[in-house]
Amino acid sequence: MNFFQRIMQRFSGSKSSDWKGKQFDFTDWFGRTFGGRNNSTLETNETIFSIVTRLSNMLASLPFKEYKKYDEQSGTDVADLLVNPNDNISGFTMISQLEVSRNRDGNGYALIERDKTMAPIAMFPIPANYVTPMVDQDSGELYYQVTGKDKNMIVHNSDMIHVRHIMGPESYVGISPISVLKNALDFDNAVASFSLSEMDKVDTFVLTYGSNVSDEKRKQITNNFEKFRQYNGGVLFQEPGVTIDRLDRNFEMGDITDSDKITRTRIANAFNVPLSFVNDSSGTGVNSNEQLMTQFVQMTLSPITKQYETEFNRKLLTRNQRKQGYYFKFNLNALMRGDITSRSAYYQMAKRNGILTSNDIRALEDVPLSSDPNADKLVESGDLYPIDMDPAQRKGVTTSDEQESSTDGSKEQEVLGNEKDK
């Protein structure tokens, strides 16, 4: 009995042929065996929907490329997976689906398909509720059981992209932010339900009759008042000896506003996004949109992108490729460029100090590159010198010999001038 057969028996009792397919081809699993899951909270809570939409769209829109020692790689098979992970979806869709699943369920999964040489050739996002992490009792290695309608398969952790929210040391499953918000959302729903029920109630009144009002008159007044309530308004004549008092309700619109504000703050905290993402500008602690974006990138996006990068680096690249300097990276510079004034100051500093060329700057601004050879050359300001350079060799510095020569020349010109005057 081989290793994978033992693993299959330990986990599900199936045969290894159930998950291998034709030459490790997993495409027959998709389209027929997996289905999505509707999450009522994500679909009915507009605040959570807004945050998940922003995070998934922003992450999927960021440039995500393969590099080798800071040099962008293009045309490689692995780099092409970031653009076309499989025949059905684009790279944007795959990253977006992973991020939606990560924020909705706490975990996002994508199965890696490999060829005979174990090189990755495709990736397929899988609904989180169809995947169960499992640890082999003998080796301690992590595997994932993928549940289909007709069969199950066991996948080694190196063949499964797994991005998650935080998890405890005793678990491999991320914690769903929506589960964390359960009590807050239940309270918000209770307040909303109470408010709706109060708004649906009709106005109530107290009728007080005097002792001089006859029974027939009372009946007539009551019928008139019932019609007034039935048509929710109109003209009501107050008869002599009859007093009509309206009962006040305790419902206040401020109660809904305060409850919504508290709920939005809790949702923003659970997803670790600025309050401005939930249309709350109070307590941001920033003075400009640039500072707000810097805070968002540093506290929210950077940890998320780092997790994606490490997963792709470890599972799409071999150890030898990583040693050679290959890696995947999201480019966050576009979000950190700021306004035109800040960008201009940065570009000027970067060019004067030999950090960026003219074409580098044009590429960052999406301007066509220049064909001038000098546009690809690094330059630096002429007033900068190596720290160990002899000060006498710097421009504008006069040495002692030059000063003495200059003094002698002045004296000689002075003597010649005096003789000429004589």
Protein backbone atom coordinates (compact mmCIF):
# COMPACT_ATOMS: atom_id res chain seq x y z
CA MET A 1 0.00 0.00 0.00
CA ASN A 2 1.55 3.31 -1.07
CA PHE A 3 1.60 6.54 0.87
CA PHE A 4 -1.40 8.21 -0.75
CA GLN A 5 -3.51 5.07 -0.38
CA ARG A 6 -2.80 5.11 3.35
CA ILE A 7 -3.72 8.78 3.49
CA MET A 8 -6.98 8.19 1.66
CA GLN A 9 -7.93 5.31 3.91
CA ARG A 10 -7.12 7.31 6.99
CA PHE A 11 -9.21 10.30 5.91
CA SER A 12 -12.08 9.01 3.81
CA GLY A 13 -11.59 5.36 2.92
CA SER A 14 -11.56 6.04 -0.83
CA LYS A 15 -9.02 4.98 -3.38
CA SER A 16 -6.17 7.10 -4.66
CA SER A 17 -7.61 6.87 -8.17
CA ASP A 18 -10.55 8.97 -6.97
CA TRP A 19 -8.48 12.12 -6.85
CA LYS A 20 -5.76 11.55 -9.41
CA GLY A 21 -7.83 11.83 -12.58
CA LYS A 22 -6.13 11.68 -15.96
CA GLN A 23 -2.53 12.69 -15.50
CA PHE A 24 -3.39 14.88 -12.51
CA ASP A 25 -6.07 16.67 -14.55
CA PHE A 26 -8.65 18.09 -12.11
CA THR A 27 -10.78 19.88 -14.68
CA ASP A 28 -13.47 17.20 -14.57
CA TRP A 29 -14.22 18.23 -10.99
CA PHE A 30 -15.24 21.75 -11.92
CA GLY A 31 -18.47 22.95 -13.46
CA ARG A 32 -20.33 19.75 -12.49
CA THR A 33 -19.42 18.95 -8.91
CA PHE A 34 -18.94 22.29 -7.17
CA GLY A 35 -21.55 24.91 -6.56
CA GLY A 36 -21.49 28.29 -4.88
CA ARG A 37 -23.05 29.10 -1.56
CA ASN A 38 -25.20 32.12 -0.93
CA ASN A 39 -24.40 33.97 2.27
CA SER A 40 -27.46 35.82 3.52
CA THR A 41 -25.40 38.27 5.59
CA LEU A 42 -23.20 39.31 2.67
CA GLU A 43 -26.22 39.67 0.40
CA THR A 44 -28.46 41.51 2.86
CA ASN A 45 -26.06 43.77 4.77
CA GLU A 46 -25.04 46.70 2.58
CA THR A 47 -22.16 47.77 4.85
CA ILE A 48 -20.43 44.38 4.75
CA PHE A 49 -21.14 44.07 1.04
CA SER A 50 -19.50 47.46 0.46
CA ILE A 51 -16.34 46.56 2.40
CA VAL A 52 -15.93 43.15 0.77
CA THR A 53 -16.48 44.71 -2.66
CA ARG A 54 -13.82 47.35 -2.04
CA LEU A 55 -11.25 44.91 -0.71
CA SER A 56 -11.76 42.33 -3.45
CA ASN A 57 -11.83 44.83 -6.31
CA MET A 58 -8.86 46.80 -5.03
CA LEU A 59 -6.72 43.69 -4.49
CA ALA A 60 -7.65 42.26 -7.89
CA SER A 61 -6.85 45.60 -9.56
CA LEU A 62 -3.31 45.82 -8.16
CA PRO A 63 -0.46 44.81 -10.49
CA PHE A 64 0.56 41.27 -9.44
CA LYS A 65 3.59 39.97 -11.32
CA GLU A 66 6.54 37.61 -11.20
CA TYR A 67 10.00 39.11 -10.59
CA LYS A 68 13.59 37.96 -10.54
CA LYS A 69 15.83 40.14 -8.43
CA TYR A 70 13.57 43.18 -8.96
CA ASP A 71 13.36 42.53 -12.72
CA GLU A 72 9.84 41.87 -13.99
CA GLN A 73 9.42 38.53 -15.73
CA SER A 74 7.04 38.18 -18.65
CA GLY A 75 6.29 35.32 -20.99
CA THR A 76 7.02 32.54 -18.50
CA ASP A 77 4.47 29.79 -17.89
CA VAL A 78 4.16 30.65 -14.19
CA ALA A 79 3.75 34.37 -14.89
CA ASP A 80 0.99 33.55 -17.37
CA LEU A 81 -1.01 31.86 -14.59
CA LEU A 82 -1.48 35.28 -12.99
CA VAL A 83 -3.23 36.43 -16.18
CA ASN A 84 -4.99 33.20 -17.23
CA PRO A 85 -5.31 30.82 -14.29
CA ASN A 86 -7.63 28.54 -16.28
CA ASP A 87 -9.77 28.51 -19.42
CA ASN A 88 -12.84 29.92 -17.67
CA ILE A 89 -11.69 32.95 -15.67
CA SER A 90 -9.08 35.70 -15.69
CA GLY A 91 -6.49 36.53 -13.08
CA PHE A 92 -8.62 39.45 -11.89
CA THR A 93 -11.58 37.14 -11.29
CA MET A 94 -9.51 34.56 -9.44
CA ILE A 95 -7.99 37.08 -7.00
CA SER A 96 -11.40 38.69 -6.52
CA GLN A 97 -13.06 35.33 -5.78
CA LEU A 98 -10.32 34.35 -3.33
CA GLU A 99 -10.66 37.65 -1.49
CA VAL A 100 -14.46 37.49 -1.35
CA SER A 101 -14.28 33.96 0.04
CA ARG A 102 -11.60 35.00 2.54
CA ASN A 103 -13.72 37.85 3.87
CA ARG A 104 -17.01 35.95 3.78
CA ASP A 105 -15.98 32.54 5.09
CA GLY A 106 -12.59 33.35 6.63
CA ASN A 107 -10.79 31.17 4.04
CA GLY A 108 -10.14 31.32 0.30
CA TYR A 109 -8.97 28.25 -1.65
CA ALA A 110 -7.59 27.69 -5.15
CA LEU A 111 -6.55 24.23 -6.37
CA ILE A 112 -3.31 24.01 -8.38
CA GLU A 113 -3.31 21.66 -11.35
CA ARG A 114 0.11 20.29 -12.39
CA ASP A 115 1.44 18.41 -15.40
CA LYS A 116 3.55 15.23 -15.38
CA THR A 117 6.64 17.19 -14.38
CA MET A 118 4.69 18.70 -11.43
CA ALA A 119 4.88 22.17 -13.00
CA PRO A 120 1.75 24.29 -12.33
CA ILE A 121 -0.45 24.72 -15.40
CA ALA A 122 -3.79 25.95 -13.97
CA MET A 123 -5.53 27.18 -10.82
CA PHE A 124 -9.18 26.77 -9.84
CA PRO A 125 -10.93 28.68 -7.00
CA ILE A 126 -13.00 26.38 -4.79
CA PRO A 127 -15.87 27.35 -2.42
CA ALA A 128 -14.61 27.31 1.16
CA ASN A 129 -17.41 25.09 2.45
CA TYR A 130 -16.20 22.27 0.15
CA VAL A 131 -12.69 22.18 1.66
CA THR A 132 -11.59 20.69 4.98
CA PRO A 133 -7.96 20.97 6.22
CA MET A 134 -6.63 17.69 7.71
CA VAL A 135 -3.30 16.69 9.21
CA ASP A 136 -1.72 13.30 8.52
CA GLN A 137 -1.35 11.41 11.77
CA ASP A 138 2.00 9.85 10.79
CA SER A 139 3.90 12.62 9.01
CA GLY A 140 2.17 15.67 10.49
CA GLU A 141 1.76 17.16 6.99
CA LEU A 142 -1.24 19.26 6.11
CA TYR A 143 -3.72 17.99 3.50
CA TYR A 144 -7.03 19.30 2.22
CA GLN A 145 -10.10 17.16 1.62
CA VAL A 146 -12.18 18.54 -1.23
CA THR A 147 -15.79 17.36 -1.19
CA GLY A 148 -17.70 16.92 -4.44
CA LYS A 149 -21.18 15.63 -5.16
CA ASP A 150 -20.00 12.24 -6.34
CA LYS A 151 -16.54 11.83 -4.80
CA ASN A 152 -13.90 13.31 -2.52
CA MET A 153 -10.22 13.90 -3.09
CA ILE A 154 -7.24 14.57 -0.85
CA VAL A 155 -4.82 17.33 -1.88
CA HIS A 156 -1.41 18.05 -0.37
CA ASN A 157 -0.98 21.57 1.02
CA SER A 158 1.57 22.39 -1.70
CA ASP A 159 -1.21 21.98 -4.30
CA MET A 160 -3.71 24.28 -2.61
CA ILE A 161 -3.52 28.08 -2.39
CA HIS A 162 -5.00 28.95 1.00
CA VAL A 163 -5.51 32.57 2.11
CA ARG A 164 -7.26 33.24 5.37
CA HIS A 165 -8.08 35.66 8.13
CA ILE A 166 -6.37 35.20 11.49
CA MET A 167 -6.34 31.75 13.05
CA GLY A 168 -5.31 30.23 16.35
CA PRO A 169 -2.17 28.09 16.76
CA GLU A 170 -4.29 24.96 17.12
CA SER A 171 -6.13 25.41 13.83
CA TYR A 172 -5.48 25.78 10.11
CA VAL A 173 -8.84 27.43 9.44
CA GLY A 174 -9.24 31.20 9.41
CA ILE A 175 -11.91 32.97 11.45
CA SER A 176 -14.72 34.56 9.47
CA PRO A 177 -15.23 38.29 10.24
CA ILE A 178 -18.96 37.83 9.65
CA SER A 179 -19.05 35.19 12.41
CA VAL A 180 -17.25 37.61 14.72
CA LEU A 181 -19.90 40.23 13.95
CA LYS A 182 -22.83 37.90 14.70
CA ASN A 183 -23.85 39.57 17.97
CA ALA A 184 -23.45 43.08 16.57
CA LEU A 185 -25.49 42.20 13.48
CA ASP A 186 -28.19 40.49 15.57
CA PHE A 187 -28.48 43.61 17.73
CA ASP A 188 -28.63 45.84 14.66
CA ASN A 189 -31.33 43.64 13.11
CA ALA A 190 -33.31 43.74 16.36
CA VAL A 191 -33.16 47.54 16.45
CA ALA A 192 -34.16 47.72 12.79
CA SER A 193 -37.08 45.32 13.31
CA PHE A 194 -38.29 47.27 16.34
CA SER A 195 -38.02 50.54 14.46
CA LEU A 196 -39.95 49.18 11.50
CA SER A 197 -42.68 47.81 13.76
CA GLU A 198 -42.95 51.17 15.50
CA MET A 199 -43.18 53.02 12.22
CA ASP A 200 -45.88 50.63 11.00
CA LYS A 201 -48.07 51.34 13.99
CA VAL A 202 -50.94 53.78 13.54
CA ASP A 203 -51.41 56.72 15.88
CA THR A 204 -53.39 56.05 19.05
CA PHE A 205 -55.68 58.47 20.89
CA VAL A 206 -57.64 58.78 24.13
CA LEU A 207 -61.28 59.90 23.90
CA THR A 208 -62.72 61.48 27.04
CA TYR A 209 -66.46 62.08 27.24
CA GLY A 210 -68.19 64.48 29.51
CA SER A 211 -71.10 63.42 31.69
CA ASN A 212 -73.50 65.46 29.57
CA VAL A 213 -72.79 63.44 26.37
CA SER A 214 -75.55 61.01 25.56
CA ASP A 215 -75.00 57.40 24.49
CA GLU A 216 -76.23 58.13 20.99
CA LYS A 217 -73.82 61.06 20.70
CA ARG A 218 -70.97 58.91 21.96
CA LYS A 219 -71.68 56.28 19.33
CA GLN A 220 -71.73 58.92 16.60
CA ILE A 221 -68.44 60.42 17.80
CA THR A 222 -66.85 56.96 17.96
CA ASN A 223 -67.91 56.11 14.40
CA ASN A 224 -66.54 59.39 13.10
CA PHE A 225 -63.25 58.80 14.87
CA GLU A 226 -62.96 55.24 13.49
CA LYS A 227 -63.32 56.61 9.97
CA PHE A 228 -60.66 59.18 10.78
CA ARG A 229 -58.26 56.41 11.83
CA GLN A 230 -59.23 54.16 8.92
CA TYR A 231 -58.30 56.77 6.34
CA ASN A 232 -55.26 57.80 8.40
CA GLY A 233 -56.24 61.44 8.57
CA GLY A 234 -58.83 63.95 7.51
CA VAL A 235 -60.92 66.46 9.39
CA LEU A 236 -62.11 65.60 12.88
CA PHE A 237 -64.51 67.94 14.69
CA GLN A 238 -64.13 68.02 18.41
CA GLU A 239 -67.59 68.06 19.96
CA PRO A 240 -68.36 69.96 23.14
CA GLY A 241 -67.77 67.79 26.15
CA VAL A 242 -65.33 65.52 24.22
CA THR A 243 -61.54 65.64 24.67
CA ILE A 244 -59.12 63.95 22.25
CA ASP A 245 -55.55 63.32 23.42
CA ARG A 246 -52.85 61.67 21.30
CA LEU A 247 -50.60 59.06 22.90
CA ASP A 248 -46.94 59.82 22.27
CA ARG A 249 -44.62 57.05 21.09
CA ASN A 250 -41.06 56.60 22.35
CA PHE A 251 -39.68 55.98 18.88
CA GLU A 252 -36.89 58.42 17.93
CA MET A 253 -34.97 58.53 14.64
CA GLY A 254 -31.86 59.28 16.66
CA ASP A 255 -31.97 55.75 18.08
CA ILE A 256 -31.57 54.26 14.59
CA THR A 257 -28.78 56.69 13.73
CA ASP A 258 -26.80 55.86 16.86
CA SER A 259 -27.30 52.13 16.36
CA ASP A 260 -26.18 52.32 12.71
CA LYS A 261 -23.08 54.28 13.69
CA ILE A 262 -22.08 51.72 16.34
CA THR A 263 -22.65 48.83 13.92
CA ARG A 264 -20.61 50.50 11.16
CA THR A 265 -17.74 51.05 13.58
CA ARG A 266 -17.78 47.41 14.67
CA ILE A 267 -17.87 46.19 11.06
CA ALA A 268 -14.94 48.44 10.11
CA ASN A 269 -12.95 47.15 13.09
CA ALA A 270 -13.66 43.52 12.24
CA PHE A 271 -12.48 43.96 8.64
CA ASN A 272 -9.62 46.25 9.71
CA VAL A 273 -10.53 49.09 7.35
CA PRO A 274 -10.73 52.87 8.00
CA LEU A 275 -14.05 54.26 9.18
CA SER A 276 -14.28 56.29 5.99
CA PHE A 277 -14.86 53.01 4.14
CA VAL A 278 -18.24 52.81 5.87
CA ASN A 279 -19.04 56.50 5.25
CA ASP A 280 -18.08 57.58 8.76
CA SER A 281 -15.66 60.50 8.85
CA SER A 282 -15.54 60.89 12.63
CA GLY A 283 -12.39 59.94 14.47
CA THR A 284 -10.27 59.24 11.41
CA GLY A 285 -7.26 61.07 12.82
CA VAL A 286 -5.96 62.03 9.36
CA ASN A 287 -5.76 65.41 7.67
CA SER A 288 -5.78 64.39 4.00
CA ASN A 289 -6.79 61.61 1.65
CA GLU A 290 -3.13 60.84 1.12
CA GLN A 291 -2.65 60.12 4.83
CA LEU A 292 -5.81 58.04 4.84
CA MET A 293 -4.61 55.93 1.91
CA THR A 294 -1.21 55.50 3.56
CA GLN A 295 -2.91 54.25 6.72
CA PHE A 296 -5.08 51.85 4.71
CA VAL A 297 -2.14 50.46 2.74
CA GLN A 298 0.07 49.99 5.79
CA MET A 299 -2.51 48.55 8.19
CA THR A 300 -4.87 46.68 5.84
CA LEU A 301 -3.52 45.96 2.37
CA SER A 302 0.11 45.17 3.20
CA PRO A 303 -0.68 42.17 5.47
CA ILE A 304 -3.20 40.86 2.92
CA THR A 305 -0.86 41.13 -0.06
CA LYS A 306 2.00 39.62 1.94
CA GLN A 307 -0.11 36.54 2.60
CA TYR A 308 -0.95 36.12 -1.09
CA GLU A 309 2.70 36.62 -2.07
CA THR A 310 4.00 34.01 0.35
CA GLU A 311 1.39 31.47 -0.76
CA PHE A 312 2.18 31.95 -4.45
CA ASN A 313 5.94 31.98 -3.83
CA ARG A 314 5.90 28.76 -1.83
CA LYS A 315 3.47 26.79 -3.98
CA LEU A 316 4.03 27.98 -7.56
CA LEU A 317 7.82 28.29 -7.43
CA THR A 318 10.31 25.53 -6.70
CA ARG A 319 12.96 25.91 -4.04
CA ASN A 320 15.60 26.26 -6.73
CA GLN A 321 13.64 29.07 -8.40
CA ARG A 322 13.32 30.91 -5.10
CA LYS A 323 17.07 30.59 -4.54
CA GLN A 324 17.65 32.09 -7.98
CA GLY A 325 15.69 35.18 -6.93
CA TYR A 326 12.23 34.52 -8.39
CA TYR A 327 9.24 35.82 -6.45
CA PHE A 328 5.69 37.18 -6.83
CA LYS A 329 4.80 40.66 -5.65
CA PHE A 330 1.90 43.11 -5.62
CA ASN A 331 2.82 46.65 -6.61
CA LEU A 332 1.37 49.06 -4.04
CA ASN A 333 3.24 52.10 -5.32
CA ALA A 334 0.26 53.28 -7.36
CA LEU A 335 -1.78 53.64 -4.16
CA MET A 336 1.01 55.53 -2.39
CA ARG A 337 1.78 58.11 -5.06
CA GLY A 338 -0.51 60.78 -3.61
CA ASP A 339 -1.55 63.96 -5.40
CA ILE A 340 0.28 65.66 -8.27
CA THR A 341 2.33 67.86 -5.94
CA SER A 342 3.57 64.95 -3.86
CA ARG A 343 4.32 62.85 -6.94
CA SER A 344 6.25 65.66 -8.60
CA ALA A 345 8.40 66.14 -5.51
CA TYR A 346 9.11 62.41 -5.27
CA TYR A 347 9.97 62.06 -8.96
CA GLN A 348 12.32 65.03 -8.81
CA MET A 349 14.10 63.61 -5.79
CA ALA A 350 14.28 60.11 -7.30
CA LYS A 351 15.71 61.33 -10.59
CA ARG A 352 18.27 63.71 -9.04
CA ASN A 353 19.54 60.90 -6.81
CA GLY A 354 19.82 58.24 -9.51
CA ILE A 355 16.85 56.15 -8.30
CA LEU A 356 14.58 56.43 -11.35
CA THR A 357 15.21 57.18 -15.01
CA SER A 358 13.01 59.41 -17.14
CA ASN A 359 11.37 56.33 -18.68
CA ASP A 360 10.77 54.84 -15.21
CA ILE A 361 8.83 57.95 -14.27
CA ARG A 362 6.93 57.97 -17.57
CA ALA A 363 5.95 54.32 -17.01
CA LEU A 364 4.63 55.10 -13.52
CA GLU A 365 2.48 57.87 -15.00
CA ASP A 366 1.27 55.68 -17.92
CA VAL A 367 2.96 57.97 -20.45
CA PRO A 368 4.55 56.47 -23.61
CA LEU A 369 8.24 55.74 -23.14
CA SER A 370 10.81 57.92 -24.86
CA SER A 371 13.04 56.42 -27.56
CA ASP A 372 15.93 58.70 -26.57
CA PRO A 373 18.77 56.53 -25.17
CA ASN A 374 19.36 59.08 -22.42
CA ALA A 375 15.84 58.46 -21.10
CA ASP A 376 17.01 55.04 -19.81
CA LYS A 377 20.14 56.35 -18.12
CA LEU A 378 20.39 57.04 -14.42
CA VAL A 379 21.59 60.55 -13.63
CA GLU A 380 22.39 62.39 -10.44
CA SER A 381 22.74 65.97 -9.38
CA GLY A 382 26.09 67.67 -10.04
CA ASP A 383 26.37 68.99 -6.48
CA LEU A 384 26.60 65.48 -4.99
CA TYR A 385 30.00 63.89 -4.34
CA PRO A 386 31.22 60.62 -2.81
CA ILE A 387 31.79 61.06 0.89
CA ASP A 388 35.44 59.95 0.59
CA MET A 389 36.24 62.27 -2.33
CA ASP A 390 39.10 64.76 -1.82
CA PRO A 391 37.48 68.15 -1.22
CA ALA A 392 40.16 69.70 -3.45
CA GLN A 393 38.69 67.85 -6.42
CA ARG A 394 35.21 69.25 -6.00
CA LYS A 395 33.93 71.95 -8.29
CA GLY A 396 34.20 75.52 -7.04
CA VAL A 397 36.86 74.67 -4.44
CA THR A 398 40.17 76.63 -4.70
CA THR A 399 43.31 74.89 -3.43
CA SER A 400 46.16 76.67 -1.61
CA ASP A 401 48.44 76.40 -4.66
CA GLU A 402 45.76 77.93 -6.87
CA GLN A 403 45.28 80.72 -4.35
CA GLU A 404 49.03 81.42 -4.21
CA SER A 405 49.28 81.36 -8.02
CA SER A 406 46.33 83.69 -8.25
CA THR A 407 47.92 86.04 -5.70
CA ASP A 408 51.26 86.10 -7.55
CA GLY A 409 49.49 86.81 -10.80
CA SER A 410 47.64 89.71 -9.27
CA LYS A 411 50.86 91.18 -7.90
CA GLU A 412 52.55 90.83 -11.30
CA GLN A 413 49.66 92.56 -13.03
CA GLU A 414 49.80 95.31 -10.42
CA VAL A 415 53.55 95.92 -11.05
CA LEU A 416 53.07 96.01 -14.81
CA GLY A 417 50.27 98.47 -14.35
CA ASN A 418 52.43 100.81 -12.24
CA GLU A 419 55.26 100.72 -14.77
CA LYS A 420 52.83 101.55 -17.53
CA ASP A 421 51.59 104.55 -15.60
CA LYS A 422 55.14 105.81 -15.21
